[in-house]
Protein backbone atom coordinates (compact mmCIF):
# COMPACT_ATOMS: atom_id res chain seq x y z
CA UNK A 1 -38.62 45.13 122.38
CA UNK A 2 -39.46 47.81 124.83
CA UNK A 3 -37.85 45.90 127.37
CA UNK A 4 -34.48 45.68 125.28
CA UNK A 5 -34.73 49.27 124.44
CA UNK A 6 -34.90 50.08 128.08
CA UNK A 7 -31.99 47.93 128.88
CA UNK A 8 -29.85 49.52 126.24
CA UNK A 9 -30.77 52.94 127.34
CA UNK A 10 -29.68 51.85 130.90
CA UNK A 11 -26.25 50.71 129.75
CA UNK A 12 -26.00 53.96 127.91
CA UNK A 13 -27.05 56.11 130.94
CA UNK A 14 -25.34 53.93 133.72
CA UNK A 15 -21.66 54.16 134.32
CA UNK A 16 -20.20 51.18 135.91
CA UNK A 17 -17.12 51.54 137.91
CA UNK A 18 -15.19 49.07 140.02
CA UNK A 19 -13.97 50.78 143.08
CA UNK A 20 -11.88 47.79 144.78
CA UNK A 21 -13.12 46.13 148.06
CA UNK A 22 -15.91 44.33 146.07
CA UNK A 23 -17.87 47.25 145.44
CA UNK A 24 -19.76 48.45 142.29
CA UNK A 25 -21.10 51.91 141.57
CA UNK A 26 -23.88 52.82 138.93
CA UNK A 27 -24.61 56.23 138.14
CA UNK A 28 -28.21 56.29 136.55
CA UNK A 29 -29.85 59.13 134.82
CA UNK A 30 -33.36 58.45 135.80
CA UNK A 31 -34.56 61.63 134.13
CA UNK A 32 -33.79 59.98 130.82
CA UNK A 33 -36.30 57.14 131.38
CA UNK A 34 -39.01 59.53 132.33
CA UNK A 35 -38.16 62.05 129.47
CA UNK A 36 -38.49 59.20 126.83
CA UNK A 37 -41.97 58.62 127.86
CA UNK A 38 -43.03 62.12 128.43
CA UNK A 39 -43.22 61.72 132.22
CA UNK A 40 -40.62 64.54 132.77
CA UNK A 41 -43.37 67.14 132.65
CA UNK A 42 -46.38 66.78 134.80
CA UNK A 43 -49.33 69.30 134.14
CA UNK A 44 -51.66 70.41 136.59
CA UNK A 45 -55.19 72.16 136.58
CA UNK A 46 -56.81 72.25 139.89
CA UNK A 47 -59.93 74.15 140.75
CA UNK A 48 -59.44 77.04 143.24
CA UNK A 49 -60.27 76.36 146.93
CA UNK A 50 -58.99 72.76 147.08
CA UNK A 51 -57.22 72.04 150.45
CA UNK A 52 -54.82 69.48 149.17
CA UNK A 53 -54.72 67.08 146.17
CA UNK A 54 -51.76 65.10 144.79
CA UNK A 55 -50.87 64.38 141.06
CA UNK A 56 -48.77 61.34 140.55
CA UNK A 57 -46.88 60.29 137.52
CA UNK A 58 -44.94 57.00 137.37
CA UNK A 59 -42.51 54.71 135.21
CA UNK A 60 -40.67 51.78 135.38
CA UNK A 61 -37.24 51.34 134.41
CA UNK A 62 -34.58 48.67 134.53
CA UNK A 63 -31.17 48.37 135.87
CA UNK A 64 -28.32 46.11 134.64
CA UNK A 65 -28.95 42.42 135.42
CA UNK A 66 -27.33 41.03 138.43
CA UNK A 67 -28.28 43.83 140.81
CA UNK A 68 -30.85 41.49 142.48
CA UNK A 69 -28.02 39.42 143.75
CA UNK A 70 -26.01 42.30 145.14
CA UNK A 71 -26.26 44.35 148.59
CA UNK A 72 -26.89 47.87 148.62
CA UNK A 73 -24.23 49.98 150.50
CA UNK A 74 -25.60 53.55 149.79
CA UNK A 75 -28.16 55.20 147.43
CA UNK A 76 -27.57 58.84 146.72
CA UNK A 77 -30.16 60.99 144.79
CA UNK A 78 -29.84 64.37 143.12
CA UNK A 79 -32.86 66.08 141.53
CA UNK A 80 -34.09 69.44 140.48
CA UNK A 81 -37.36 70.86 138.68
CA UNK A 82 -38.70 74.10 137.48
CA UNK A 83 -42.50 74.89 138.31
CA UNK A 84 -44.26 77.01 135.81
CA UNK A 85 -47.31 78.34 136.95
CA UNK A 86 -49.96 79.90 134.37
CA UNK A 87 -52.97 80.81 136.46
CA UNK A 88 -54.17 80.78 140.02
CA UNK A 89 -52.60 80.78 143.20
CA UNK A 90 -51.78 78.39 145.97
CA UNK A 91 -48.74 76.21 147.41
CA UNK A 92 -46.90 73.33 145.63
CA UNK A 93 -44.40 70.84 146.58
CA UNK A 94 -43.03 67.71 144.64
CA UNK A 95 -41.71 64.49 145.91
CA UNK A 96 -39.78 61.43 144.39
CA UNK A 97 -40.64 57.81 145.31
CA UNK A 98 -38.99 54.47 144.21
CA UNK A 99 -40.36 51.01 144.82
CA UNK A 100 -39.94 47.39 143.26
CA UNK A 101 -43.71 47.36 142.59
CA UNK A 102 -45.86 49.84 141.13
CA UNK A 103 -48.56 49.06 143.93
CA UNK A 104 -46.13 50.13 146.81
CA UNK A 105 -44.67 53.13 144.86
CA UNK A 106 -46.54 56.09 146.88
CA UNK A 107 -46.82 54.12 150.12
CA UNK A 108 -43.67 54.91 151.71
CA UNK A 109 -41.48 58.10 152.59
CA UNK A 110 -40.37 59.97 149.47
CA UNK A 111 -36.72 59.78 148.80
CA UNK A 112 -36.74 63.57 147.86
CA UNK A 113 -39.26 65.91 149.18
CA UNK A 114 -39.31 69.55 148.89
CA UNK A 115 -40.92 72.22 150.87
CA UNK A 116 -44.08 73.82 149.59
CA UNK A 117 -43.73 77.22 147.70
CA UNK A 118 -46.43 79.78 147.25
CA UNK A 119 -47.27 80.70 143.52
CA UNK A 120 -49.71 83.53 142.27
CA UNK A 121 -50.40 83.96 138.61
CA UNK A 122 -47.73 83.49 135.98
CA UNK A 123 -44.68 82.56 138.04
CA UNK A 124 -41.53 80.22 137.42
CA UNK A 125 -40.10 78.80 140.64
CA UNK A 126 -37.00 76.47 140.65
CA UNK A 127 -36.79 73.68 142.81
CA UNK A 128 -33.24 72.84 143.79
CA UNK A 129 -33.35 69.65 145.92
CA UNK A 130 -30.39 68.83 148.38
CA UNK A 131 -28.67 65.59 147.57
CA UNK A 132 -30.11 62.90 149.71
CA UNK A 133 -28.27 59.64 150.86
CA UNK A 134 -29.92 56.32 151.92
CA UNK A 135 -27.75 53.68 153.54
CA UNK A 136 -28.77 49.91 153.12
CA UNK A 137 -31.63 50.60 151.11
CA UNK A 138 -33.00 47.11 149.72
CA UNK A 139 -35.32 48.82 147.19
CA UNK A 140 -32.49 48.90 144.67
CA UNK A 141 -31.63 45.35 145.16
CA UNK A 142 -33.54 44.67 142.05
CA UNK A 143 -33.15 44.89 138.17
CA UNK A 144 -36.66 46.49 137.66
CA UNK A 145 -37.84 49.65 139.62
CA UNK A 146 -40.35 52.03 139.68
CA UNK A 147 -39.96 55.68 140.04
CA UNK A 148 -42.96 58.08 140.93
CA UNK A 149 -43.10 61.85 140.99
CA UNK A 150 -45.84 63.48 142.98
CA UNK A 151 -46.93 67.22 142.95
CA UNK A 152 -48.93 68.09 146.27
CA UNK A 153 -50.96 71.32 145.47
CA UNK A 154 -53.68 73.28 147.60
CA UNK A 155 -55.05 76.07 145.92
CA UNK A 156 -56.65 79.45 147.15
CA UNK A 157 -60.05 80.45 146.18
CA UNK A 158 -60.35 82.13 142.57
CA UNK A 159 -59.23 80.81 139.32
CA UNK A 160 -58.13 77.22 138.77
CA UNK A 161 -54.26 76.81 139.47
CA UNK A 162 -52.77 75.72 136.15
CA UNK A 163 -49.18 75.05 134.98
CA UNK A 164 -46.82 72.30 134.99
CA UNK A 165 -43.60 71.01 136.72
CA UNK A 166 -40.65 69.95 134.58
CA UNK A 167 -37.90 67.74 136.03
CA UNK A 168 -34.50 69.02 134.98
CA UNK A 169 -32.57 66.46 137.01
CA UNK A 170 -33.07 63.17 138.72
CA UNK A 171 -30.00 60.99 139.19
CA UNK A 172 -29.35 57.98 141.23
CA UNK A 173 -25.81 56.83 142.27
CA UNK A 174 -26.07 53.17 143.71
CA UNK A 175 -23.10 51.61 145.52
CA UNK A 176 -23.34 47.86 145.75
CA UNK A 177 -21.36 45.07 147.30
CA UNK A 178 -20.61 43.65 144.10
CA UNK A 179 -22.28 40.23 143.46
CA UNK A 180 -23.09 41.57 139.88
CA UNK A 181 -21.17 38.89 137.97
């Protein structure tokens, strides 16, 4: 039942467009998958004086059947988030990963990576990520994928660094050599 609900959500959140020359375009609102499971908000509470720590969150999602037989031309990613720090000070960055298996999710290069921002006390920081494009990416030649969000923190001495990162946008545009049907 859960898989059927995911597949139904994909068809609602993915727009399929035929664009001639044997290509298909899928626009997928990945944020909707994360929001449904509560993984669009990642809380943190890290003791002061920690040089670096990663907090990871991941979720599996499904794309329409047939993608495993297609060849990916390009993948375009868009993302944005808001960091809401409550206490403490330090540096925070976030990254987005995709993989075909959960075990390989955080092992490669992130698809989206923001520079670190410094926060101190109550602070709200928007992360506006430039759109990224990946060519001939075989990760998206599958119907089941994993998305992973990582917050990378380093804290200054003093009170715990507490707050949360809220994703406000995470979209994927996949252009395929059409072998879907």
